[in-house]
């Protein structure tokens, strides 16, 4: 039914070493969604592309398309993860699948490279789930289901945290008792690494410069937001830390907050620490200031001169600009600033506010080019010849997951 060459696949994939086109199913599961794609690794073609969302609600939605054609939508009456996954597998059942790649948010310090999946790896990842309780359990549930059904198909885990495996200790350590790190793993891990890797590589292509020569600050701005500094394609610092809650202001997450605020609110209200953390994760950021986590609604409020809308946009731009400027310390110079993610790709207003705050460092934005880079159109938005360059790059996490999965199973060093 699934169109998979179970018995001979592993030896064929390893021995061919890029000699034929490979088809990779990519599964990117979140706490309330599953993104899925079937990609041809030689052409980058998305043969199937879809999203199952609102899985934490009474009814979900499934949207997909084939080879870029008109999207098909359906309602998910049952949002149980296994049931939804079965629906996804029915959609991709017409495709021949050689490999399966999974996004995993947290690999801790143990998994810093693309990893071949087996039961031992799953066991280790379950232990790491306590570091990412909102994401890793859902991703592991999908992985276990796929290993049970398609155990003979080579599968890989690609980790969000892996891009930061070469961040130096002075950047990833917190100034807390050292035993917190040595015994409990408390350190900065960083997230959105798959996206940051993709957009830095694409930025180098757009600039026609070797990635090894570039110091880049990349901004993945969506419901979750992070800013990363990279030298020669290697992540050297990032805004997110021990969890995806820290760093810059987001849709419903607070970003950095003085930890004594939690104790103060607990003392004033009698609430538990877990309920306050839930507020910081789900009712803060844009939502905390304006009442909505939706970036577009916040911009409507801004344009209507609503005080909280203006405040939220100003806070967001200032917060991100401060992080970008701080990355001059690890980088020494910034060759390019790259925007990506739902906000980064589509909000010319928020990009302009951020860049305005950075004008003292030579960053400039060409208004017409900035306004043109919306609705999926990327490119250079700084004036031609002005340095540092400012670009918009449309991220594609699934594409790089497919590429890394193929490399893992086909490069000679992995045979």
Protein backbone atom coordinates (compact mmCIF):
# COMPACT_ATOMS: atom_id res chain seq x y z
CA UNK A 1 0.00 0.00 0.00
CA UNK A 2 2.76 2.44 0.95
CA UNK A 3 4.88 1.75 -2.13
CA UNK A 4 8.10 1.05 -0.17
CA UNK A 5 10.85 -1.36 -1.28
CA UNK A 6 11.32 -2.89 2.18
CA UNK A 7 13.59 -5.88 1.62
CA UNK A 8 16.39 -4.56 -0.62
CA UNK A 9 16.20 -0.88 0.18
CA UNK A 10 19.00 -0.53 2.72
CA UNK A 11 21.75 -2.11 0.62
CA UNK A 12 20.59 -0.34 -2.54
CA UNK A 13 20.60 3.09 -0.95
CA UNK A 14 24.05 2.68 0.61
CA UNK A 15 25.79 1.20 -2.44
CA UNK A 16 24.41 3.55 -5.07
CA UNK A 17 25.98 6.61 -3.37
CA UNK A 18 23.85 9.26 -5.12
CA UNK A 19 23.69 7.31 -8.39
CA UNK A 20 19.91 7.46 -8.52
CA UNK A 21 17.11 9.73 -7.40
CA UNK A 22 15.93 9.11 -3.87
CA UNK A 23 12.51 9.89 -2.49
CA UNK A 24 12.35 10.95 1.16
CA UNK A 25 9.27 11.19 3.34
CA UNK A 26 9.82 13.94 5.91
CA UNK A 27 7.71 14.03 9.07
CA UNK A 28 7.89 17.16 11.21
CA UNK A 29 5.65 16.61 14.21
CA UNK A 30 4.89 19.34 16.74
CA UNK A 31 2.82 19.52 19.89
CA UNK A 32 -0.33 20.21 17.85
CA UNK A 33 0.60 19.56 14.21
CA UNK A 34 2.33 17.29 11.72
CA UNK A 35 4.01 18.76 8.66
CA UNK A 36 4.79 16.21 5.97
CA UNK A 37 6.47 16.20 2.59
CA UNK A 38 7.70 13.72 0.03
CA UNK A 39 10.76 15.18 -1.70
CA UNK A 40 12.93 14.11 -4.61
CA UNK A 41 16.44 14.80 -3.31
CA UNK A 42 17.98 15.25 -6.75
CA UNK A 43 15.59 17.97 -7.91
CA UNK A 44 14.26 19.32 -4.62
CA UNK A 45 10.75 18.76 -5.99
CA UNK A 46 7.96 18.56 -3.41
CA UNK A 47 5.92 15.64 -4.75
CA UNK A 48 3.52 15.84 -1.78
CA UNK A 49 3.32 18.62 0.78
CA UNK A 50 0.87 18.93 3.65
CA UNK A 51 -0.01 19.94 7.17
CA UNK A 52 -2.27 18.40 9.81
CA UNK A 53 -2.98 21.06 12.42
CA UNK A 54 -5.10 21.91 15.49
CA UNK A 55 -4.46 18.42 16.86
CA UNK A 56 -5.00 19.69 20.40
CA UNK A 57 -8.57 20.73 19.61
CA UNK A 58 -11.83 18.85 19.15
CA UNK A 59 -11.52 19.09 15.36
CA UNK A 60 -8.38 19.39 13.29
CA UNK A 61 -7.62 20.32 9.70
CA UNK A 62 -5.66 18.46 7.05
CA UNK A 63 -4.33 20.42 4.05
CA UNK A 64 -2.15 18.96 1.30
CA UNK A 65 -1.18 19.28 -2.33
CA UNK A 66 0.62 17.22 -4.97
CA UNK A 67 3.44 18.71 -7.06
CA UNK A 68 2.38 22.26 -6.22
CA UNK A 69 -1.15 21.84 -7.55
CA UNK A 70 -4.35 23.06 -5.90
CA UNK A 71 -4.58 22.30 -2.19
CA UNK A 72 -7.03 19.77 -0.80
CA UNK A 73 -8.58 20.39 2.61
CA UNK A 74 -10.44 18.11 4.97
CA UNK A 75 -11.64 18.20 8.56
CA UNK A 76 -10.15 15.80 11.09
CA UNK A 77 -12.97 14.58 13.32
CA UNK A 78 -10.54 12.48 15.34
CA UNK A 79 -7.33 14.32 16.27
CA UNK A 80 -5.65 11.39 17.99
CA UNK A 81 -2.01 11.38 16.81
CA UNK A 82 -2.04 7.80 15.53
CA UNK A 83 -5.30 8.33 13.62
CA UNK A 84 -4.00 11.54 12.05
CA UNK A 85 -0.75 9.82 11.07
CA UNK A 86 -2.74 7.08 9.33
CA UNK A 87 -4.53 9.80 7.32
CA UNK A 88 -1.17 11.28 6.36
CA UNK A 89 0.15 7.89 5.27
CA UNK A 90 -2.91 7.36 3.06
CA UNK A 91 -2.12 10.63 1.28
CA UNK A 92 1.50 9.66 0.58
CA UNK A 93 0.68 6.01 -0.18
CA UNK A 94 0.84 6.64 -3.94
CA UNK A 95 4.49 7.63 -3.69
CA UNK A 96 7.52 5.34 -3.64
CA UNK A 97 9.48 6.12 -0.46
CA UNK A 98 13.18 5.22 -0.10
CA UNK A 99 13.97 6.96 3.19
CA UNK A 100 12.14 8.61 6.08
CA UNK A 101 13.48 11.67 7.89
CA UNK A 102 12.11 12.96 11.20
CA UNK A 103 12.61 16.33 12.81
CA UNK A 104 13.44 16.00 16.50
CA UNK A 105 13.59 19.19 18.55
CA UNK A 106 16.02 18.10 21.25
CA UNK A 107 19.05 15.83 20.98
CA UNK A 108 20.79 17.11 24.10
CA UNK A 109 24.57 16.77 24.08
CA UNK A 110 24.36 13.13 22.95
CA UNK A 111 22.97 13.63 19.45
CA UNK A 112 24.80 16.34 17.51
CA UNK A 113 24.63 14.79 14.03
CA UNK A 114 21.94 13.20 11.83
CA UNK A 115 21.31 9.82 13.43
CA UNK A 116 20.07 6.48 12.10
CA UNK A 117 16.99 5.47 14.04
CA UNK A 118 16.58 2.23 15.93
CA UNK A 119 15.05 1.13 19.22
CA UNK A 120 18.17 2.00 21.24
CA UNK A 121 18.15 5.56 19.90
CA UNK A 122 14.44 5.86 20.69
CA UNK A 123 15.13 4.72 24.24
CA UNK A 124 17.77 7.42 24.66
CA UNK A 125 15.52 10.08 23.16
CA UNK A 126 12.76 9.21 25.61
CA UNK A 127 15.14 10.10 28.42
CA UNK A 128 15.83 13.44 26.73
CA UNK A 129 12.10 14.22 26.43
CA UNK A 130 12.18 15.91 29.82
CA UNK A 131 14.25 18.64 28.17
CA UNK A 132 11.56 19.31 25.53
CA UNK A 133 8.25 18.07 27.01
CA UNK A 134 6.08 19.96 24.50
CA UNK A 135 7.73 18.57 21.37
CA UNK A 136 9.90 15.47 21.78
CA UNK A 137 7.11 13.15 23.08
CA UNK A 138 4.93 13.81 20.01
CA UNK A 139 7.89 13.35 17.67
CA UNK A 140 8.89 10.12 19.41
CA UNK A 141 5.34 8.81 19.13
CA UNK A 142 5.50 9.34 15.36
CA UNK A 143 8.96 7.75 15.15
CA UNK A 144 7.91 4.66 17.12
CA UNK A 145 4.80 4.25 14.97
CA UNK A 146 6.83 4.51 11.77
CA UNK A 147 9.50 2.09 12.98
CA UNK A 148 6.80 -0.43 13.87
CA UNK A 149 5.09 -0.19 10.49
CA UNK A 150 8.10 0.40 8.22
CA UNK A 151 10.95 -1.13 10.19
CA UNK A 152 12.93 -2.08 7.07
CA UNK A 153 12.88 1.44 5.65
CA UNK A 154 15.96 3.46 6.68
CA UNK A 155 14.87 6.29 8.97
CA UNK A 156 16.80 9.21 10.45
CA UNK A 157 16.43 11.78 13.20
CA UNK A 158 17.56 15.32 12.35
CA UNK A 159 17.93 17.48 15.44
CA UNK A 160 17.06 21.15 15.92
CA UNK A 161 19.75 21.42 18.58
CA UNK A 162 22.53 19.93 16.45
CA UNK A 163 23.35 23.22 14.68
CA UNK A 164 24.58 24.53 18.03
CA UNK A 165 26.83 21.60 18.92
CA UNK A 166 29.92 23.74 18.28
CA UNK A 167 28.87 26.73 20.36
CA UNK A 168 31.79 27.30 22.77
CA UNK A 169 31.33 26.64 26.51
CA UNK A 170 31.67 30.31 27.44
CA UNK A 171 28.58 30.95 25.28
CA UNK A 172 26.44 27.96 26.24
CA UNK A 173 27.11 27.83 29.98
CA UNK A 174 24.91 29.66 32.49
CA UNK A 175 26.56 31.36 35.51
CA UNK A 176 24.90 28.98 37.95
CA UNK A 177 26.39 26.22 40.16
CA UNK A 178 28.45 24.01 37.82
CA UNK A 179 26.71 20.92 39.19
CA UNK A 180 23.50 22.12 37.55
CA UNK A 181 25.23 21.51 34.23
CA UNK A 182 27.25 18.41 35.10
CA UNK A 183 24.40 16.60 36.89
CA UNK A 184 21.21 18.01 35.35
CA UNK A 185 22.20 19.21 31.89
CA UNK A 186 21.39 22.88 32.50
CA UNK A 187 22.93 24.85 29.61
CA UNK A 188 21.95 26.75 26.49
CA UNK A 189 20.94 24.26 23.78
CA UNK A 190 19.36 26.46 21.11
CA UNK A 191 16.49 25.60 18.78
CA UNK A 192 15.25 26.19 15.21
CA UNK A 193 18.70 24.96 14.17
CA UNK A 194 17.43 23.14 11.07
CA UNK A 195 15.86 26.36 9.79
CA UNK A 196 18.91 28.46 10.65
CA UNK A 197 21.19 26.03 8.84
CA UNK A 198 19.02 26.15 5.73
CA UNK A 199 18.67 29.93 5.57
CA UNK A 200 22.37 30.61 6.15
CA UNK A 201 23.27 28.24 3.33
CA UNK A 202 20.68 29.84 1.04
CA UNK A 203 21.91 33.33 1.96
CA UNK A 204 25.41 32.40 0.79
CA UNK A 205 23.96 31.24 -2.54
CA UNK A 206 21.97 34.47 -2.97
CA UNK A 207 25.05 36.55 -2.18
CA UNK A 208 27.24 34.42 -4.50
CA UNK A 209 29.79 34.08 -1.72
CA UNK A 210 31.35 31.00 -0.07
CA UNK A 211 29.51 30.15 3.13
CA UNK A 212 32.88 29.61 4.86
CA UNK A 213 33.67 33.32 4.43
CA UNK A 214 30.43 34.69 5.89
CA UNK A 215 29.44 35.87 9.34
CA UNK A 216 25.64 35.76 9.37
CA UNK A 217 22.91 36.67 11.82
CA UNK A 218 19.75 34.77 10.95
CA UNK A 219 16.29 35.55 12.33
CA UNK A 220 13.69 32.77 12.34
CA UNK A 221 10.56 34.73 13.20
CA UNK A 222 7.20 33.00 13.44
CA UNK A 223 5.00 31.77 16.27
CA UNK A 224 8.34 30.89 17.86
CA UNK A 225 11.23 33.26 17.29
CA UNK A 226 15.00 32.94 17.53
CA UNK A 227 18.11 34.78 16.39
CA UNK A 228 21.35 32.94 15.65
CA UNK A 229 24.94 33.98 14.98
CA UNK A 230 26.98 31.77 12.65
CA UNK A 231 30.55 31.86 11.37
CA UNK A 232 31.23 29.97 8.17
CA UNK A 233 27.99 28.03 8.51
CA UNK A 234 28.65 27.04 12.14
CA UNK A 235 26.28 28.25 14.87
CA UNK A 236 28.27 30.10 17.56
CA UNK A 237 25.48 31.64 19.65
CA UNK A 238 21.71 31.92 19.68
CA UNK A 239 18.86 33.59 21.55
CA UNK A 240 17.00 30.50 22.73
CA UNK A 241 18.55 28.68 25.67
CA UNK A 242 17.69 25.72 27.87
CA UNK A 243 14.19 25.77 26.39
CA UNK A 244 12.41 27.46 23.47
CA UNK A 245 10.81 29.83 25.99
CA UNK A 246 13.88 32.02 26.39
CA UNK A 247 15.28 34.68 24.11
CA UNK A 248 13.21 37.19 22.17
CA UNK A 249 9.52 38.04 22.37
CA UNK A 250 7.28 35.63 20.42
CA UNK A 251 3.64 35.04 19.51
CA UNK A 252 2.59 33.64 22.88
CA UNK A 253 5.96 33.09 24.60
CA UNK A 254 7.60 35.75 26.73
CA UNK A 255 11.23 35.35 25.84
CA UNK A 256 13.69 36.44 28.52
CA UNK A 257 12.14 37.34 31.88
CA UNK A 258 13.83 37.95 35.24
CA UNK A 259 13.24 34.64 37.09
CA UNK A 260 12.32 36.45 40.30
CA UNK A 261 9.15 37.59 38.50
CA UNK A 262 7.88 34.01 38.82
CA UNK A 263 8.40 34.04 42.59
CA UNK A 264 6.78 37.45 42.85
CA UNK A 265 3.65 36.36 40.94
CA UNK A 266 3.48 33.13 42.94
CA UNK A 267 3.62 35.09 46.18
CA UNK A 268 1.06 37.66 45.05
CA UNK A 269 -1.44 35.21 43.56
CA UNK A 270 -0.80 31.87 45.30
CA UNK A 271 -0.43 30.20 41.90
CA UNK A 272 1.87 27.24 41.28
CA UNK A 273 5.14 27.62 39.42
CA UNK A 274 3.91 25.33 36.62
CA UNK A 275 0.82 27.46 36.03
CA UNK A 276 2.95 30.60 35.84
CA UNK A 277 5.29 28.91 33.37
CA UNK A 278 2.23 28.00 31.32
CA UNK A 279 1.34 31.70 31.24
CA UNK A 280 4.84 32.54 29.99
CA UNK A 281 4.55 29.89 27.26
CA UNK A 282 0.94 30.36 26.18
CA UNK A 283 -0.33 33.79 27.23
CA UNK A 284 2.66 36.09 26.87
CA UNK A 285 4.52 37.72 23.96
CA UNK A 286 2.16 39.35 21.46
CA UNK A 287 -0.77 37.67 23.16
CA UNK A 288 0.19 39.01 26.58
CA UNK A 289 0.48 42.58 25.34
CA UNK A 290 -2.36 42.73 22.79
CA UNK A 291 -4.63 39.76 23.54
CA UNK A 292 -3.76 37.97 20.31
CA UNK A 293 -0.72 35.89 19.31
CA UNK A 294 -1.47 36.52 15.63
CA UNK A 295 1.18 38.72 13.97
CA UNK A 296 -1.23 39.94 11.28
CA UNK A 297 -3.83 41.01 13.86
CA UNK A 298 -1.11 42.82 15.81
CA UNK A 299 -0.17 44.73 12.66
CA UNK A 300 -3.83 45.68 12.08
CA UNK A 301 -3.84 47.14 15.59
CA UNK A 302 -0.60 49.00 14.81
CA UNK A 303 -2.00 50.53 11.63
CA UNK A 304 -5.18 51.53 13.46
CA UNK A 305 -3.01 53.40 15.98
CA UNK A 306 -4.09 51.18 18.85
CA UNK A 307 -1.73 51.76 21.73
CA UNK A 308 -1.09 48.10 22.55
CA UNK A 309 -0.51 47.21 18.91
CA UNK A 310 2.09 49.95 18.57
CA UNK A 311 3.70 48.89 21.85
CA UNK A 312 3.89 45.23 20.79
CA UNK A 313 5.53 46.02 17.43
CA UNK A 314 8.00 48.41 19.07
CA UNK A 315 8.87 45.87 21.78
CA UNK A 316 9.35 43.13 19.19
CA UNK A 317 11.60 45.21 16.93
CA UNK A 318 13.69 46.60 19.78
CA UNK A 319 14.08 43.20 21.45
CA UNK A 320 15.31 41.53 18.26
CA UNK A 321 17.60 44.42 17.28
CA UNK A 322 19.33 44.22 20.68
CA UNK A 323 20.04 40.52 20.17
CA UNK A 324 21.35 41.11 16.65
CA UNK A 325 23.66 43.88 17.83
CA UNK A 326 24.95 41.71 20.68
CA UNK A 327 26.14 39.11 18.19
CA UNK A 328 28.87 41.49 17.05
CA UNK A 329 30.73 40.14 20.09
CA UNK A 330 31.05 36.50 18.91
CA UNK A 331 31.21 37.42 15.20
CA UNK A 332 33.42 40.52 15.13
CA UNK A 333 31.56 41.67 12.03
CA UNK A 334 28.18 40.91 10.45
CA UNK A 335 28.24 40.30 6.69
CA UNK A 336 24.55 39.52 6.31
CA UNK A 337 21.31 39.72 8.26
CA UNK A 338 18.73 37.17 7.13
CA UNK A 339 15.00 37.10 7.91
CA UNK A 340 12.88 33.97 7.64
CA UNK A 341 9.80 32.26 9.14
CA UNK A 342 6.18 33.37 8.87
CA UNK A 343 6.85 36.85 10.26
CA UNK A 344 10.36 37.22 8.89
CA UNK A 345 9.24 36.36 5.36
CA UNK A 346 5.96 38.26 5.29
CA UNK A 347 6.09 41.28 7.61
CA UNK A 348 7.77 44.21 5.89
CA UNK A 349 6.67 46.39 8.82
CA UNK A 350 8.46 44.36 11.48
CA UNK A 351 11.58 43.98 9.33
CA UNK A 352 11.68 47.75 8.82
CA UNK A 353 11.32 48.43 12.56
CA UNK A 354 14.15 46.01 13.39
CA UNK A 355 16.46 47.48 10.75
CA UNK A 356 15.69 51.04 11.85
CA UNK A 357 16.95 50.19 15.34
CA UNK A 358 20.16 48.89 13.73
CA UNK A 359 20.85 51.92 11.54
CA UNK A 360 23.71 52.95 13.84
CA UNK A 361 25.53 49.77 12.74
CA UNK A 362 25.11 50.50 9.04
CA UNK A 363 22.06 48.35 8.37
CA UNK A 364 19.69 49.81 5.79
CA UNK A 365 16.44 48.74 4.18
CA UNK A 366 15.30 49.68 0.67
CA UNK A 367 11.58 50.38 1.11
CA UNK A 368 10.37 49.12 -2.27
CA UNK A 369 12.41 45.92 -2.07
CA UNK A 370 11.28 45.33 1.53
CA UNK A 371 7.62 45.77 0.60
CA UNK A 372 8.05 43.42 -2.36
CA UNK A 373 9.44 40.61 -0.19
CA UNK A 374 6.13 39.29 1.07
CA UNK A 375 3.90 36.35 0.19
CA UNK A 376 6.73 33.93 -0.46
CA UNK A 377 9.08 36.23 -2.37
CA UNK A 378 12.57 36.45 -0.91
CA UNK A 379 15.69 38.33 -1.90
CA UNK A 380 17.90 41.29 -1.06
CA UNK A 381 16.13 44.17 0.73
CA UNK A 382 19.14 46.37 1.52
CA UNK A 383 20.32 48.84 -1.14
CA UNK A 384 22.67 47.28 -3.68
CA UNK A 385 26.28 47.73 -2.63
CA UNK A 386 25.43 48.61 0.98
CA UNK A 387 27.00 46.45 3.67
CA UNK A 388 25.95 44.56 5.72
CA UNK A 389 23.52 42.87 3.32
CA UNK A 390 19.95 42.29 4.48
CA UNK A 391 18.00 39.44 2.91
CA UNK A 392 14.73 37.57 3.14
CA UNK A 393 15.01 33.80 2.66
CA UNK A 394 12.04 31.45 2.61
CA UNK A 395 12.92 28.63 4.97
CA UNK A 396 12.40 24.98 4.06
CA UNK A 397 13.14 22.74 7.04
CA UNK A 398 11.75 19.68 5.29
CA UNK A 399 14.12 20.10 2.34
CA UNK A 400 17.23 20.10 4.50
CA UNK A 401 15.89 17.19 6.59
CA UNK A 402 15.54 15.22 3.35
CA UNK A 403 19.05 16.17 2.22
CA UNK A 404 20.65 15.25 5.56
CA UNK A 405 18.74 11.97 5.68
CA UNK A 406 19.98 11.06 2.21
CA UNK A 407 23.57 11.99 3.08
CA UNK A 408 23.42 9.88 6.23
CA UNK A 409 22.48 6.74 4.31
CA UNK A 410 24.44 7.24 1.10
CA UNK A 411 27.83 8.76 1.90
CA UNK A 412 30.63 6.20 1.91
CA UNK A 413 31.73 7.08 5.45
CA UNK A 414 28.37 5.85 6.72
CA UNK A 415 28.40 2.49 4.92
